[in-house]
Amino acid sequence: MFTGIIEELGKVSSVEQQGENARVVIEAHTVTEGTKHGDSIAVNGVCLTALDVRPDSFAADVSRETLERSTLGRLGPGTPVNLERAVTPATRLGGHIVQGHVDARGTFVSAVDHGGSWTVRIAYPAEVARYLVFKGSVAVEGISLTIASLTDDYFEIAVIPKTWEVTNFSHLQPNDAVNLEVDVIAKYIERILSFSDKSPQPQRAN
C-alpha cells in the first residue's frame, strides 16, 4: 500500500524486453535506502517488486498485463518516473490509500501556470467516471491529488510548487498518457451495493 506522496523523481536507465514482459532498471537514491530485494516500490503509480537493489538503482520485472494497462510500456532510457516506497505502520498517511493498481490510462491535456502553482487538466475514460467526485481523491502517475473541477470528459487538479518540482508533471506534454487509480473505497462500495438486492431472505419457521 502507498500514500501517493512521491519521495523521489527517478530516471529509467534501461528497458530490456523479455518475451512479452520487460525488466526495467531505474536510477534512484532515496527509495533504495532501507529497501530490500522483494520490497514494493510504486513507479508512476504502479506497484512493482524491487530486484537487484543497489545504492543508486533498482530493477523490476514488468508483466505483459502491466505493460498494456499502464504507461510503463512506453518507458525508455532517460524517462523520469515518480517513485514511492510502500508504507510502514509508522508512515504518516499524508495522501490517501493508493494500492498501486492502475485502473485506466488518462491523458494529460494541459497545465496552466498561476505564478508558481498550476492547474492541471486530465482527460479520463468513461470506465472510471463513476468513481470520480468533486473534492474526491484520485492518483495520477502515483500522485495523491484532489479533484478541484470535474466535467464529463476531464478533471482538474491544483498542483503546488513542491509537487511540480519533485514529480514528472513538469515533464509531461499534451496528449501524454498518464496512469489513473481511483479511490479503492468507492470500488468496494460499488461491489457491496451490487449484492444488496441479491441477499438471501431469512427463512420463516413453519
Protein backbone atom coordinates (compact mmCIF):
# COMPACT_ATOMS: atom_id res chain seq x y z
CA MET A 1 0.00 0.00 0.00
CA PHE A 2 1.11 3.57 -0.73
CA THR A 3 0.01 7.10 0.16
CA GLY A 4 0.55 8.88 -3.15
CA ILE A 5 3.23 11.17 -1.69
CA ILE A 6 6.13 10.97 -4.14
CA GLU A 7 9.52 10.56 -2.50
CA GLU A 8 11.80 10.90 -5.48
CA LEU A 9 11.88 11.59 -9.20
CA GLY A 10 13.93 8.73 -10.61
CA LYS A 11 15.11 8.07 -14.14
CA VAL A 12 14.87 4.96 -16.29
CA SER A 13 18.33 3.59 -17.01
CA SER A 14 17.35 0.72 -19.31
CA VAL A 15 14.43 -1.38 -20.52
CA GLU A 16 15.08 -4.98 -21.56
CA GLN A 17 12.35 -6.89 -23.36
CA GLN A 18 11.92 -10.44 -22.07
CA GLY A 19 9.41 -12.04 -24.36
CA GLU A 20 6.09 -10.30 -23.69
CA ASN A 21 7.44 -8.95 -20.41
CA ALA A 22 10.20 -6.46 -19.59
CA ARG A 23 12.84 -5.71 -17.00
CA VAL A 24 13.28 -2.06 -16.13
CA VAL A 25 16.29 -0.60 -14.33
CA ILE A 26 15.70 2.73 -12.60
CA GLU A 27 18.26 5.18 -11.24
CA ALA A 28 17.29 6.28 -7.72
CA HIS A 29 18.92 7.20 -4.42
CA THR A 30 16.19 7.94 -1.88
CA VAL A 31 13.83 5.00 -2.36
CA THR A 32 16.69 2.49 -2.34
CA GLU A 33 17.51 3.43 1.27
CA GLY A 34 16.29 0.64 3.53
CA THR A 35 14.79 -1.23 0.56
CA LYS A 36 15.49 -4.94 0.30
CA HIS A 37 15.17 -7.41 -2.57
CA GLY A 38 11.45 -8.18 -2.91
CA ASP A 39 10.14 -4.95 -1.37
CA SER A 40 7.48 -2.91 -3.18
CA ILE A 41 8.10 0.41 -4.91
CA ALA A 42 5.49 2.34 -6.86
CA VAL A 43 6.73 3.55 -10.24
CA ASN A 44 4.40 6.16 -11.76
CA GLY A 45 1.71 4.69 -9.54
CA VAL A 46 2.33 1.05 -10.46
CA CYS A 47 3.31 -1.31 -7.64
CA LEU A 48 6.46 -3.20 -8.66
CA THR A 49 8.77 -5.60 -6.84
CA ALA A 50 12.28 -4.22 -6.36
CA LEU A 51 15.06 -6.51 -7.56
CA ASP A 52 18.85 -6.15 -7.60
CA VAL A 53 18.63 -3.20 -5.19
CA ARG A 54 21.75 -1.04 -5.16
CA PRO A 55 22.51 2.34 -3.53
CA ASP A 56 21.84 4.16 -6.81
CA SER A 57 19.39 1.90 -8.66
CA PHE A 58 16.95 -0.99 -8.60
CA ALA A 59 15.42 -3.28 -11.20
CA ALA A 60 11.84 -4.51 -11.60
CA ASP A 61 10.15 -7.08 -13.80
CA VAL A 62 7.00 -5.81 -15.53
CA SER A 63 4.40 -8.26 -16.81
CA ARG A 64 2.60 -8.05 -20.15
CA GLU A 65 -0.64 -7.14 -18.34
CA THR A 66 1.02 -4.18 -16.61
CA LEU A 67 2.75 -3.03 -19.79
CA GLU A 68 -0.58 -2.98 -21.63
CA ARG A 69 -2.75 -1.47 -18.89
CA SER A 70 -0.38 1.24 -17.66
CA THR A 71 2.04 3.69 -19.22
CA LEU A 72 5.06 1.59 -18.23
CA GLY A 73 5.05 0.05 -21.69
CA ARG A 74 6.15 3.44 -23.03
CA LEU A 75 9.15 3.89 -20.77
CA GLY A 76 12.57 4.32 -22.32
CA PRO A 77 16.06 5.27 -21.16
CA GLY A 78 16.04 8.74 -19.61
CA THR A 79 12.30 8.81 -18.85
CA PRO A 80 11.60 10.50 -15.47
CA VAL A 81 9.43 8.41 -13.13
CA ASN A 82 7.67 9.08 -9.83
CA LEU A 83 8.85 6.79 -7.04
CA GLU A 84 7.40 5.89 -3.64
CA ARG A 85 8.24 3.13 -1.20
CA ALA A 86 5.43 1.11 0.37
CA VAL A 87 4.07 2.43 3.66
CA THR A 88 5.03 1.05 7.06
CA PRO A 89 2.96 1.07 10.29
CA ALA A 90 4.83 4.25 11.29
CA THR A 91 4.31 6.10 8.00
CA ARG A 92 2.27 9.31 8.04
CA LEU A 93 -0.70 8.89 5.68
CA GLY A 94 -0.24 12.27 4.04
CA GLY A 95 -2.21 11.42 0.90
CA HIS A 96 -4.85 8.72 0.56
CA ILE A 97 -4.83 4.93 0.30
CA VAL A 98 -3.17 4.03 -3.00
CA GLN A 99 -2.77 0.38 -3.97
CA GLY A 100 -0.52 0.80 -6.96
CA HIS A 101 -3.07 -0.92 -9.20
CA VAL A 102 -3.79 1.18 -12.28
CA ASP A 103 -7.49 1.37 -13.20
CA ALA A 104 -7.12 3.17 -16.53
CA ARG A 105 -4.97 5.45 -18.61
CA GLY A 106 -5.93 9.10 -18.86
CA THR A 107 -4.49 11.88 -21.00
CA PHE A 108 -2.54 14.92 -19.88
CA VAL A 109 -4.38 17.82 -21.53
CA SER A 110 -2.75 20.99 -20.21
CA ALA A 111 -1.10 22.79 -17.32
CA VAL A 112 -1.81 26.46 -16.63
CA ASP A 113 0.82 28.34 -14.63
CA HIS A 114 -0.59 30.69 -12.00
CA GLY A 115 2.75 32.14 -10.99
CA GLY A 116 4.17 29.17 -9.13
CA SER A 117 1.17 26.88 -8.83
CA TRP A 118 -0.53 25.05 -11.69
CA THR A 119 -3.96 23.89 -12.75
CA VAL A 120 -3.54 20.56 -14.49
CA ARG A 121 -6.28 19.12 -16.70
CA ILE A 122 -6.54 15.36 -17.17
CA ALA A 123 -8.95 13.67 -19.59
CA TYR A 124 -10.29 10.34 -18.37
CA PRO A 125 -12.06 7.36 -20.00
CA ALA A 126 -15.74 6.63 -19.35
CA GLU A 127 -14.92 3.43 -17.47
CA VAL A 128 -13.75 5.33 -14.38
CA ALA A 129 -16.22 8.23 -14.50
CA ARG A 130 -18.49 6.84 -11.77
CA TYR A 131 -15.61 6.75 -9.27
CA LEU A 132 -14.62 10.41 -9.64
CA VAL A 133 -16.21 13.07 -7.42
CA PHE A 134 -15.63 16.78 -6.86
CA LYS A 135 -13.14 17.22 -3.99
CA GLY A 136 -12.52 13.46 -4.01
CA SER A 137 -9.18 11.71 -4.22
CA VAL A 138 -7.50 10.33 -7.33
CA ALA A 139 -3.97 9.15 -8.05
CA VAL A 140 -2.35 10.42 -11.26
CA GLU A 141 1.03 8.87 -12.06
CA GLY A 142 1.02 7.68 -8.44
CA ILE A 143 0.49 11.19 -7.03
CA SER A 144 -2.29 11.62 -4.47
CA LEU A 145 -4.41 14.54 -5.67
CA THR A 146 -7.75 16.20 -5.02
CA ILE A 147 -10.20 16.84 -7.85
CA ALA A 148 -10.78 20.61 -7.98
CA SER A 149 -13.07 20.62 -11.03
CA LEU A 150 -14.94 17.82 -12.76
CA THR A 151 -16.72 17.51 -16.11
CA ASP A 152 -17.95 14.54 -18.12
CA ASP A 153 -14.66 14.42 -20.03
CA TYR A 154 -11.90 15.71 -17.76
CA PHE A 155 -11.00 16.73 -14.23
CA GLU A 156 -8.67 19.45 -13.00
CA ILE A 157 -6.28 19.40 -10.08
CA ALA A 158 -4.39 22.17 -8.33
CA VAL A 159 -0.66 21.40 -8.19
CA ILE A 160 1.54 23.20 -5.67
CA PRO A 161 5.18 24.12 -6.46
CA LYS A 162 6.61 21.25 -4.37
CA THR A 163 4.58 18.64 -6.27
CA TRP A 164 5.51 20.22 -9.59
CA GLU A 165 9.18 20.16 -8.62
CA VAL A 166 9.51 16.58 -7.32
CA THR A 167 7.25 14.73 -9.78
CA ASN A 168 7.14 14.12 -13.53
CA PHE A 169 4.30 16.61 -14.08
CA SER A 170 6.73 19.25 -15.32
CA HIS A 171 7.96 16.78 -17.98
CA LEU A 172 4.54 15.86 -19.40
CA GLN A 173 3.41 17.13 -22.77
CA PRO A 174 -0.18 17.49 -24.10
CA ASN A 175 -1.61 14.12 -25.16
CA ASP A 176 0.82 12.15 -23.00
CA ALA A 177 -0.82 9.14 -21.35
CA VAL A 178 -0.95 9.04 -17.54
CA ASN A 179 -1.80 6.29 -15.06
CA LEU A 180 -5.04 6.72 -13.10
CA GLU A 181 -6.06 4.95 -9.91
CA VAL A 182 -9.41 5.82 -8.38
CA ASP A 183 -10.26 5.67 -4.69
CA VAL A 184 -10.44 1.98 -3.70
CA ILE A 185 -13.19 2.72 -1.16
CA ALA A 186 -15.55 3.71 -3.98
CA LYS A 187 -14.91 0.40 -5.73
CA TYR A 188 -15.65 -1.59 -2.58
CA ILE A 189 -18.90 0.31 -2.01
CA GLU A 190 -19.97 -0.35 -5.59
CA ARG A 191 -19.27 -4.05 -5.19
CA ILE A 192 -21.19 -4.27 -1.91
CA LEU A 193 -24.19 -2.45 -3.37
CA SER A 194 -24.23 -4.76 -6.37
CA PHE A 195 -25.13 -7.57 -3.98
CA SER A 196 -27.68 -5.62 -1.93
CA ASP A 197 -30.64 -6.96 -3.91
CA LYS A 198 -29.28 -10.49 -4.00
CA SER A 199 -29.03 -11.10 -0.27
CA PRO A 200 -30.77 -14.32 0.82
CA GLN A 201 -34.09 -13.75 2.56
CA PRO A 202 -34.49 -15.13 6.09
CA GLN A 203 -36.47 -18.36 6.27
CA ARG A 204 -39.71 -18.30 8.24
CA ALA A 205 -40.40 -21.06 10.71
CA ASN A 206 -43.42 -23.23 9.91
